[in-house]
Structures are given as C-alpha cells and as structure tokens.
C-alpha cells in the first residue's frame, strides 16, 4: 500500500506587495493589491517571504523594482513585473481576490 502524505494547507499569496511603502506605491497606480492573490502551499508561501526582512525575497524584488522605477512606472509596468516575478519564482494558478474563500 502506498503512503500518501496529507495535503499541505494552502495560503493566499498577494501578487502585489502588502508592505506599507510598497503597497502605497502600487495603490497610487490604481491597482487593488487585495484583488489579486494565488493559493500556494504554506511551505512555498513561507519560502517566498523568507531570505530577508519585511517580506523576504518576494518583497525585496519589489523594493528593487520600485527603486529603479519609482517615478516612471505605470500600472502596465507594475503588472508586467508582477508576471515576471511569478515566472521567476514559479508562482502560478488562478488569480483570486483575497476576500474570496
């Protein structure tokens, strides 16, 4: 008989950062950060936000993008970068609002 491990719980991962400074910057481009999340296994979600302060490697990538594009980024640029980050980190799945179960 095969032993199948129990399913890992899933958590919602915000595509756009929630850290206050980053979130404010994104919201100024009329992007609702809570409207776009992806369900990820808990361990993968924790890994994405590890490796550094204030949201780990995911938020660090956003900080670097904001630093380079602070005054020039438009909503389309931010969306494009979000897609690039998803590909870079292997984040995929349907986008769902944070408040949907």
N, C-alpha and C. Protein backbone atom coordinates (compact mmCIF):
# COMPACT_ATOMS: atom_id res chain seq x y z
N UNK A 1 0.84 -1.18 0.00
CA UNK A 1 0.00 0.00 0.00
C UNK A 1 0.89 1.25 0.00
N UNK A 2 0.50 2.23 -0.76
CA UNK A 2 1.26 3.48 -0.84
C UNK A 2 0.88 4.41 0.31
N UNK A 3 1.89 5.03 0.86
CA UNK A 3 1.64 6.05 1.87
C UNK A 3 1.57 7.40 1.18
N UNK A 4 0.43 8.04 1.25
CA UNK A 4 0.25 9.35 0.65
C UNK A 4 0.23 10.37 1.77
N UNK A 5 1.17 11.32 1.74
CA UNK A 5 1.21 12.31 2.81
C UNK A 5 -0.04 13.18 2.79
N UNK A 6 -0.44 13.67 3.94
CA UNK A 6 -1.62 14.55 3.95
C UNK A 6 -1.35 15.82 3.14
N UNK A 7 -2.42 16.35 2.59
CA UNK A 7 -2.28 17.59 1.82
C UNK A 7 -1.85 18.73 2.73
N UNK A 8 -0.95 19.51 2.21
CA UNK A 8 -0.48 20.69 2.95
C UNK A 8 -1.52 21.79 2.84
N UNK A 9 -1.74 22.54 3.92
CA UNK A 9 -2.67 23.66 3.83
C UNK A 9 -2.19 24.71 2.83
N UNK A 10 -3.14 25.38 2.23
CA UNK A 10 -2.82 26.45 1.28
C UNK A 10 -3.05 27.80 1.95
N UNK A 11 -2.30 28.78 1.46
CA UNK A 11 -2.44 30.16 1.91
C UNK A 11 -2.54 31.05 0.68
N UNK A 12 -3.16 32.19 0.85
CA UNK A 12 -3.26 33.14 -0.25
C UNK A 12 -2.02 34.03 -0.27
N UNK A 13 -1.42 34.14 -1.43
CA UNK A 13 -0.24 34.97 -1.63
C UNK A 13 -0.64 36.17 -2.47
N UNK A 14 -0.42 37.36 -1.95
CA UNK A 14 -0.68 38.59 -2.70
C UNK A 14 0.38 38.75 -3.80
N UNK A 15 -0.08 38.93 -5.01
CA UNK A 15 0.84 39.15 -6.12
C UNK A 15 1.54 40.50 -5.95
N UNK A 16 0.76 41.49 -5.54
CA UNK A 16 1.30 42.82 -5.29
C UNK A 16 1.59 42.95 -3.80
N UNK A 17 2.68 43.60 -3.43
CA UNK A 17 3.15 43.59 -2.04
C UNK A 17 2.21 44.33 -1.08
N UNK A 18 2.16 43.79 0.14
CA UNK A 18 1.36 44.39 1.21
C UNK A 18 2.17 45.30 2.13
N UNK A 19 3.48 45.20 2.10
CA UNK A 19 4.32 46.04 2.95
C UNK A 19 3.94 47.49 2.67
N UNK A 20 3.78 48.28 3.71
CA UNK A 20 3.14 49.59 3.62
C UNK A 20 3.69 50.50 2.52
N UNK A 21 4.98 50.70 2.48
CA UNK A 21 5.57 51.60 1.48
C UNK A 21 5.32 51.10 0.07
N UNK A 22 5.53 49.80 -0.14
CA UNK A 22 5.32 49.21 -1.46
C UNK A 22 3.85 49.24 -1.85
N UNK A 23 2.98 48.87 -0.91
CA UNK A 23 1.54 48.85 -1.19
C UNK A 23 1.03 50.23 -1.56
N UNK A 24 1.48 51.24 -0.86
CA UNK A 24 1.06 52.61 -1.17
C UNK A 24 1.49 52.99 -2.57
N UNK A 25 2.70 52.63 -2.93
CA UNK A 25 3.23 52.92 -4.27
C UNK A 25 2.39 52.25 -5.34
N UNK A 26 2.04 50.98 -5.14
CA UNK A 26 1.24 50.24 -6.11
C UNK A 26 -0.18 50.82 -6.18
N UNK A 27 -0.77 51.10 -5.02
CA UNK A 27 -2.14 51.64 -4.99
C UNK A 27 -2.24 52.98 -5.71
N UNK A 28 -1.17 53.76 -5.69
CA UNK A 28 -1.18 55.05 -6.41
C UNK A 28 -1.32 54.87 -7.91
N UNK A 29 -1.08 53.66 -8.38
CA UNK A 29 -1.25 53.35 -9.81
C UNK A 29 -2.59 52.66 -10.05
N UNK A 30 -3.50 52.81 -9.09
CA UNK A 30 -4.87 52.25 -9.19
C UNK A 30 -4.91 50.74 -9.32
N UNK A 31 -4.04 50.06 -8.60
CA UNK A 31 -4.06 48.60 -8.54
C UNK A 31 -4.49 48.21 -7.13
N UNK A 32 -5.54 47.42 -7.05
CA UNK A 32 -6.05 46.93 -5.77
C UNK A 32 -5.24 45.70 -5.38
N UNK A 33 -4.36 45.84 -4.41
CA UNK A 33 -3.47 44.74 -4.06
C UNK A 33 -4.22 43.53 -3.52
N UNK A 34 -5.41 43.73 -2.96
CA UNK A 34 -6.16 42.60 -2.40
C UNK A 34 -7.01 41.87 -3.43
N UNK A 35 -7.07 42.38 -4.63
CA UNK A 35 -7.89 41.75 -5.67
C UNK A 35 -7.16 40.62 -6.39
N UNK A 36 -5.86 40.47 -6.14
CA UNK A 36 -5.07 39.51 -6.92
C UNK A 36 -4.18 38.67 -6.02
N UNK A 37 -4.66 37.50 -5.67
CA UNK A 37 -3.87 36.55 -4.89
C UNK A 37 -3.88 35.20 -5.61
N UNK A 38 -2.96 34.35 -5.19
CA UNK A 38 -2.85 32.98 -5.70
C UNK A 38 -2.75 32.07 -4.49
N UNK A 39 -3.44 30.95 -4.53
CA UNK A 39 -3.32 29.97 -3.45
C UNK A 39 -2.03 29.17 -3.63
N UNK A 40 -1.24 29.13 -2.57
CA UNK A 40 0.03 28.41 -2.59
C UNK A 40 0.14 27.51 -1.38
N UNK A 41 0.85 26.38 -1.50
CA UNK A 41 1.12 25.58 -0.30
C UNK A 41 1.84 26.43 0.74
N UNK A 42 1.49 26.24 1.99
CA UNK A 42 2.03 27.05 3.08
C UNK A 42 3.56 27.11 3.06
N UNK A 43 4.23 25.97 2.88
CA UNK A 43 5.69 25.96 2.92
C UNK A 43 6.29 26.79 1.78
N UNK A 44 5.67 26.74 0.61
CA UNK A 44 6.15 27.53 -0.53
C UNK A 44 5.93 29.02 -0.27
N UNK A 45 4.78 29.35 0.29
CA UNK A 45 4.48 30.74 0.61
C UNK A 45 5.48 31.27 1.64
N UNK A 46 5.80 30.47 2.64
CA UNK A 46 6.78 30.89 3.65
C UNK A 46 8.16 31.07 3.02
N UNK A 47 8.52 30.19 2.11
CA UNK A 47 9.80 30.30 1.42
C UNK A 47 9.88 31.61 0.61
N UNK A 48 8.78 31.95 -0.09
CA UNK A 48 8.76 33.19 -0.89
C UNK A 48 9.06 34.42 -0.04
N UNK A 49 8.58 34.40 1.20
CA UNK A 49 8.74 35.55 2.08
C UNK A 49 9.91 35.39 3.05
N UNK A 50 10.80 34.45 2.74
CA UNK A 50 11.99 34.25 3.57
C UNK A 50 13.19 34.89 2.89
N UNK A 51 14.31 34.87 3.57
CA UNK A 51 15.55 35.35 2.96
C UNK A 51 15.75 36.84 3.04
N UNK A 52 15.11 37.48 3.97
CA UNK A 52 15.31 38.91 4.12
C UNK A 52 14.23 39.53 4.97
N UNK A 53 14.42 40.79 5.32
CA UNK A 53 13.45 41.47 6.17
C UNK A 53 12.20 41.91 5.40
N UNK A 54 11.18 42.19 6.11
CA UNK A 54 9.94 42.79 5.57
C UNK A 54 9.42 42.09 4.32
N UNK A 55 9.17 40.81 4.42
CA UNK A 55 8.57 40.09 3.30
C UNK A 55 9.53 39.27 2.47
N UNK A 56 10.78 39.20 2.91
CA UNK A 56 11.74 38.32 2.27
C UNK A 56 12.04 38.64 0.82
N UNK A 57 12.38 37.59 0.08
CA UNK A 57 12.85 37.75 -1.30
C UNK A 57 11.78 38.29 -2.25
N UNK A 58 10.52 37.95 -2.01
CA UNK A 58 9.45 38.47 -2.87
C UNK A 58 9.39 40.00 -2.76
N UNK A 59 9.31 40.50 -1.53
CA UNK A 59 9.23 41.94 -1.33
C UNK A 59 10.53 42.65 -1.69
N UNK A 60 11.66 41.98 -1.52
CA UNK A 60 12.94 42.59 -1.90
C UNK A 60 12.97 42.83 -3.41
N UNK A 61 12.45 41.90 -4.18
CA UNK A 61 12.37 42.09 -5.63
C UNK A 61 11.49 43.30 -5.96
N UNK A 62 10.39 43.45 -5.23
CA UNK A 62 9.53 44.62 -5.43
C UNK A 62 10.24 45.91 -5.02
N UNK A 63 10.99 45.87 -3.92
CA UNK A 63 11.72 47.07 -3.49
C UNK A 63 12.72 47.51 -4.55
N UNK A 64 13.43 46.54 -5.12
CA UNK A 64 14.41 46.86 -6.16
C UNK A 64 13.73 47.46 -7.39
N UNK A 65 12.60 46.88 -7.77
CA UNK A 65 11.85 47.39 -8.91
C UNK A 65 11.37 48.82 -8.64
N UNK A 66 10.83 49.05 -7.46
CA UNK A 66 10.35 50.38 -7.11
C UNK A 66 11.49 51.40 -7.10
N UNK A 67 12.64 51.00 -6.57
CA UNK A 67 13.79 51.91 -6.51
C UNK A 67 14.22 52.35 -7.91
N UNK A 68 14.16 51.44 -8.87
CA UNK A 68 14.58 51.76 -10.24
C UNK A 68 13.50 52.51 -11.03
N UNK A 69 12.23 52.31 -10.63
CA UNK A 69 11.12 52.81 -11.43
C UNK A 69 10.15 53.68 -10.65
N UNK A 70 10.61 54.23 -9.55
CA UNK A 70 9.73 54.93 -8.63
C UNK A 70 8.85 55.98 -9.30
N UNK A 71 9.44 56.81 -10.11
CA UNK A 71 8.69 57.92 -10.71
C UNK A 71 8.11 57.60 -12.09
N UNK A 72 8.63 56.58 -12.74
CA UNK A 72 8.23 56.34 -14.12
C UNK A 72 7.24 55.19 -14.31
N UNK A 73 7.14 54.28 -13.34
CA UNK A 73 6.31 53.08 -13.53
C UNK A 73 4.84 53.42 -13.63
N UNK A 74 4.21 52.86 -14.64
CA UNK A 74 2.77 52.96 -14.82
C UNK A 74 2.17 51.61 -14.42
N UNK A 75 0.86 51.56 -14.35
CA UNK A 75 0.19 50.32 -13.96
C UNK A 75 0.62 49.15 -14.84
N UNK A 76 0.75 49.40 -16.16
CA UNK A 76 1.15 48.30 -17.05
C UNK A 76 2.53 47.77 -16.72
N UNK A 77 3.44 48.66 -16.32
CA UNK A 77 4.79 48.24 -15.95
C UNK A 77 4.76 47.37 -14.68
N UNK A 78 3.94 47.77 -13.76
CA UNK A 78 3.82 47.03 -12.49
C UNK A 78 3.20 45.66 -12.75
N UNK A 79 2.18 45.61 -13.59
CA UNK A 79 1.58 44.32 -13.96
C UNK A 79 2.62 43.42 -14.66
N UNK A 80 3.38 44.00 -15.57
CA UNK A 80 4.39 43.23 -16.29
C UNK A 80 5.41 42.65 -15.31
N UNK A 81 5.85 43.48 -14.36
CA UNK A 81 6.81 43.00 -13.37
C UNK A 81 6.21 41.91 -12.50
N UNK A 82 4.95 42.05 -12.14
CA UNK A 82 4.29 41.00 -11.35
C UNK A 82 4.33 39.67 -12.09
N UNK A 83 4.05 39.70 -13.39
CA UNK A 83 4.12 38.48 -14.20
C UNK A 83 5.53 37.91 -14.26
N UNK A 84 6.52 38.79 -14.39
CA UNK A 84 7.91 38.35 -14.40
C UNK A 84 8.29 37.69 -13.08
N UNK A 85 7.85 38.29 -11.98
CA UNK A 85 8.14 37.70 -10.66
C UNK A 85 7.49 36.34 -10.51
N UNK A 86 6.25 36.24 -10.96
CA UNK A 86 5.55 34.95 -10.87
C UNK A 86 6.32 33.88 -11.63
N UNK A 87 6.82 34.22 -12.81
CA UNK A 87 7.60 33.25 -13.59
C UNK A 87 8.92 32.95 -12.89
N UNK A 88 9.60 33.97 -12.39
CA UNK A 88 10.90 33.80 -11.74
C UNK A 88 10.81 32.86 -10.54
N UNK A 89 9.76 33.01 -9.75
CA UNK A 89 9.63 32.23 -8.51
C UNK A 89 8.73 31.00 -8.65
N UNK A 90 8.16 30.77 -9.82
CA UNK A 90 7.30 29.60 -10.02
C UNK A 90 5.94 29.72 -9.34
N UNK A 91 5.44 30.93 -9.26
CA UNK A 91 4.13 31.18 -8.67
C UNK A 91 3.10 31.10 -9.79
N UNK A 92 2.15 30.17 -9.68
CA UNK A 92 1.13 30.09 -10.73
C UNK A 92 -0.18 29.59 -10.15
N UNK A 93 -1.20 29.82 -10.91
CA UNK A 93 -2.55 29.44 -10.50
C UNK A 93 -3.50 30.57 -10.82
N UNK A 94 -4.78 30.30 -10.65
CA UNK A 94 -5.75 31.36 -10.95
C UNK A 94 -5.65 32.51 -9.95
N UNK A 95 -5.82 33.71 -10.45
CA UNK A 95 -5.83 34.89 -9.59
C UNK A 95 -7.22 35.01 -8.97
N UNK A 96 -7.23 35.17 -7.64
CA UNK A 96 -8.49 35.30 -6.92
C UNK A 96 -8.39 36.46 -5.94
N UNK A 97 -9.51 37.13 -5.67
CA UNK A 97 -9.48 38.18 -4.65
C UNK A 97 -9.17 37.61 -3.28
N UNK A 98 -8.48 38.36 -2.47
CA UNK A 98 -8.10 37.92 -1.12
C UNK A 98 -9.32 37.54 -0.29
N UNK A 99 -10.40 38.26 -0.46
CA UNK A 99 -11.57 38.06 0.40
C UNK A 99 -12.48 36.93 -0.05
N UNK A 100 -12.16 36.25 -1.15
CA UNK A 100 -12.94 35.09 -1.59
C UNK A 100 -12.40 33.83 -0.91
N UNK A 101 -13.30 32.96 -0.55
CA UNK A 101 -12.87 31.68 0.03
C UNK A 101 -12.64 30.74 -1.07
